[in-house]
Amino acid sequence: MPQINVAKPFNYQKGGKVQLFKKGVQDVDADVAEHAKQRGYLVGSKAKAGTAEAAAAPEPAAESK
């Protein structure tokens, strides 16, 4: 089971049941960990996502005269 550190509480629904995940470190299923990571609920996940997007975006070429 992956261990995640939740920065922002969130709900996760599976099989008709809704489970609340509160702030803090906790053991969760892999699908819950992926959900939290993709939606930015984890500590530090937004900063990492922002730098990855910035690194992937190419710089515009300088115009020559």
N, C-alpha and C. Protein backbone atom coordinates (compact mmCIF):
# COMPACT_ATOMS: atom_id res chain seq x y z
N MET A 1 0.83 -1.19 0.00
CA MET A 1 0.00 0.00 0.00
C MET A 1 0.87 1.25 0.00
N PRO A 2 0.60 2.17 -0.91
CA PRO A 2 1.36 3.42 -0.92
C PRO A 2 1.01 4.28 0.29
N GLN A 3 1.97 5.09 0.71
CA GLN A 3 1.75 6.03 1.80
C GLN A 3 1.79 7.43 1.19
N ILE A 4 0.77 8.23 1.47
CA ILE A 4 0.69 9.59 0.93
C ILE A 4 0.59 10.59 2.08
N ASN A 5 0.95 11.85 1.78
CA ASN A 5 0.83 12.93 2.74
C ASN A 5 -0.17 13.93 2.17
N VAL A 6 -1.39 13.91 2.69
CA VAL A 6 -2.48 14.73 2.18
C VAL A 6 -2.36 16.16 2.70
N ALA A 7 -2.36 17.12 1.78
CA ALA A 7 -2.29 18.53 2.14
C ALA A 7 -3.69 19.14 2.22
N LYS A 8 -4.60 18.66 1.36
CA LYS A 8 -5.96 19.19 1.29
C LYS A 8 -6.92 18.00 1.37
N PRO A 9 -7.81 17.97 2.36
CA PRO A 9 -8.75 16.85 2.49
C PRO A 9 -9.57 16.66 1.22
N PHE A 10 -9.89 15.41 0.90
CA PHE A 10 -10.68 15.12 -0.30
C PHE A 10 -11.52 13.87 -0.08
N ASN A 11 -12.55 13.72 -0.92
CA ASN A 11 -13.39 12.54 -0.92
C ASN A 11 -13.01 11.67 -2.10
N TYR A 12 -13.14 10.36 -1.91
CA TYR A 12 -12.88 9.42 -3.00
C TYR A 12 -14.03 8.42 -3.03
N GLN A 13 -14.64 8.26 -4.21
CA GLN A 13 -15.78 7.36 -4.35
C GLN A 13 -15.39 6.14 -5.17
N LYS A 14 -15.74 4.96 -4.64
CA LYS A 14 -15.49 3.71 -5.34
C LYS A 14 -16.55 2.70 -4.92
N GLY A 15 -17.19 2.09 -5.89
CA GLY A 15 -18.18 1.08 -5.59
C GLY A 15 -19.38 1.60 -4.82
N GLY A 16 -19.77 2.83 -5.05
CA GLY A 16 -20.92 3.40 -4.37
C GLY A 16 -20.64 3.90 -2.96
N LYS A 17 -19.40 3.78 -2.50
CA LYS A 17 -19.04 4.26 -1.16
C LYS A 17 -18.11 5.46 -1.30
N VAL A 18 -18.35 6.45 -0.46
CA VAL A 18 -17.51 7.66 -0.45
C VAL A 18 -16.69 7.65 0.82
N GLN A 19 -15.38 7.86 0.66
CA GLN A 19 -14.48 7.87 1.80
C GLN A 19 -13.78 9.22 1.87
N LEU A 20 -13.74 9.80 3.07
CA LEU A 20 -13.06 11.07 3.31
C LEU A 20 -11.62 10.81 3.72
N PHE A 21 -10.69 11.49 3.08
CA PHE A 21 -9.27 11.42 3.45
C PHE A 21 -8.88 12.78 4.02
N LYS A 22 -8.48 12.78 5.28
CA LYS A 22 -8.11 14.01 5.98
C LYS A 22 -6.64 14.33 5.78
N LYS A 23 -6.23 15.51 6.23
CA LYS A 23 -4.83 15.93 6.15
C LYS A 23 -3.94 14.96 6.91
N GLY A 24 -2.71 14.80 6.41
CA GLY A 24 -1.74 13.99 7.11
C GLY A 24 -1.27 12.78 6.32
N VAL A 25 -0.35 12.05 6.91
CA VAL A 25 0.24 10.87 6.28
C VAL A 25 -0.66 9.67 6.54
N GLN A 26 -0.94 8.90 5.48
CA GLN A 26 -1.78 7.72 5.61
C GLN A 26 -1.50 6.70 4.53
N ASP A 27 -1.80 5.44 4.85
CA ASP A 27 -1.67 4.35 3.89
C ASP A 27 -2.97 4.24 3.12
N VAL A 28 -2.86 4.17 1.78
CA VAL A 28 -4.05 4.11 0.92
C VAL A 28 -3.82 3.10 -0.19
N ASP A 29 -4.89 2.76 -0.91
CA ASP A 29 -4.77 1.92 -2.10
C ASP A 29 -4.10 2.72 -3.22
N ALA A 30 -3.55 2.01 -4.19
CA ALA A 30 -2.85 2.65 -5.30
C ALA A 30 -3.76 3.58 -6.10
N ASP A 31 -5.02 3.19 -6.30
CA ASP A 31 -5.93 4.04 -7.07
C ASP A 31 -6.25 5.34 -6.33
N VAL A 32 -6.32 5.30 -5.02
CA VAL A 32 -6.55 6.51 -4.22
C VAL A 32 -5.33 7.42 -4.30
N ALA A 33 -4.14 6.84 -4.22
CA ALA A 33 -2.90 7.62 -4.31
C ALA A 33 -2.80 8.32 -5.66
N GLU A 34 -3.13 7.63 -6.73
CA GLU A 34 -3.08 8.22 -8.07
C GLU A 34 -4.10 9.36 -8.20
N HIS A 35 -5.30 9.14 -7.69
CA HIS A 35 -6.36 10.16 -7.72
C HIS A 35 -5.88 11.43 -7.00
N ALA A 36 -5.31 11.26 -5.81
CA ALA A 36 -4.84 12.40 -5.02
C ALA A 36 -3.70 13.13 -5.72
N LYS A 37 -2.81 12.37 -6.32
CA LYS A 37 -1.67 12.97 -7.03
C LYS A 37 -2.12 13.77 -8.24
N GLN A 38 -3.01 13.20 -9.05
CA GLN A 38 -3.48 13.87 -10.26
C GLN A 38 -4.24 15.15 -9.97
N ARG A 39 -4.92 15.21 -8.85
CA ARG A 39 -5.75 16.36 -8.54
C ARG A 39 -5.10 17.35 -7.59
N GLY A 40 -3.84 17.11 -7.20
CA GLY A 40 -3.09 18.08 -6.41
C GLY A 40 -3.44 18.13 -4.94
N TYR A 41 -3.90 17.01 -4.37
CA TYR A 41 -4.24 16.98 -2.95
C TYR A 41 -3.05 16.64 -2.05
N LEU A 42 -1.93 16.30 -2.61
CA LEU A 42 -0.78 15.88 -1.82
C LEU A 42 0.16 17.03 -1.51
N VAL A 43 0.91 16.91 -0.43
CA VAL A 43 1.90 17.91 -0.06
C VAL A 43 2.96 17.95 -1.15
N GLY A 44 3.20 19.13 -1.72
CA GLY A 44 4.23 19.31 -2.73
C GLY A 44 3.85 18.90 -4.14
N SER A 45 2.67 18.37 -4.37
CA SER A 45 2.33 17.90 -5.72
C SER A 45 2.12 19.05 -6.70
N LYS A 46 1.61 20.19 -6.22
CA LYS A 46 1.40 21.33 -7.12
C LYS A 46 2.73 21.92 -7.57
N ALA A 47 3.71 22.03 -6.68
CA ALA A 47 5.00 22.59 -7.04
C ALA A 47 5.70 21.70 -8.06
N LYS A 48 5.64 20.40 -7.88
CA LYS A 48 6.26 19.48 -8.82
C LYS A 48 5.58 19.54 -10.17
N ALA A 49 4.26 19.62 -10.19
CA ALA A 49 3.52 19.67 -11.44
C ALA A 49 3.84 20.95 -12.20
N GLY A 50 3.97 22.07 -11.49
CA GLY A 50 4.27 23.34 -12.13
C GLY A 50 5.65 23.35 -12.77
N THR A 51 6.64 22.76 -12.13
CA THR A 51 7.98 22.75 -12.70
C THR A 51 8.06 21.79 -13.88
N ALA A 52 7.32 20.70 -13.84
CA ALA A 52 7.33 19.75 -14.95
C ALA A 52 6.69 20.38 -16.19
N GLU A 53 5.61 21.11 -15.98
CA GLU A 53 4.94 21.76 -17.11
C GLU A 53 5.83 22.85 -17.69
N ALA A 54 6.50 23.60 -16.84
CA ALA A 54 7.38 24.67 -17.30
C ALA A 54 8.56 24.11 -18.07
N ALA A 55 9.10 22.99 -17.62
CA ALA A 55 10.24 22.38 -18.29
C ALA A 55 9.84 21.78 -19.63
N ALA A 56 8.62 21.31 -19.75
CA ALA A 56 8.16 20.67 -20.98
C ALA A 56 7.79 21.71 -22.04
N ALA A 57 7.44 22.93 -21.65
CA ALA A 57 7.04 23.96 -22.60
C ALA A 57 8.27 24.56 -23.26
N PRO A 58 8.36 24.51 -24.58
CA PRO A 58 9.54 25.06 -25.26
C PRO A 58 9.50 26.60 -25.25
N GLU A 59 10.66 27.20 -25.24
CA GLU A 59 10.79 28.65 -25.29
C GLU A 59 10.58 29.09 -26.75
N PRO A 60 9.93 30.22 -26.98
CA PRO A 60 9.77 30.72 -28.34
C PRO A 60 11.13 31.12 -28.92
N ALA A 61 11.32 30.89 -30.19
CA ALA A 61 12.57 31.23 -30.84
C ALA A 61 12.70 32.73 -31.00
N ALA A 62 13.93 33.25 -30.86
CA ALA A 62 14.16 34.67 -31.04
C ALA A 62 14.09 35.02 -32.52
N GLU A 63 13.47 36.17 -32.81
CA GLU A 63 13.36 36.61 -34.20
C GLU A 63 14.68 37.19 -34.68
N SER A 64 15.06 36.84 -35.89
CA SER A 64 16.28 37.41 -36.45
C SER A 64 15.92 38.57 -37.37
N LYS A 65 16.78 39.58 -37.44
CA LYS A 65 16.51 40.76 -38.27
C LYS A 65 17.39 40.79 -39.47
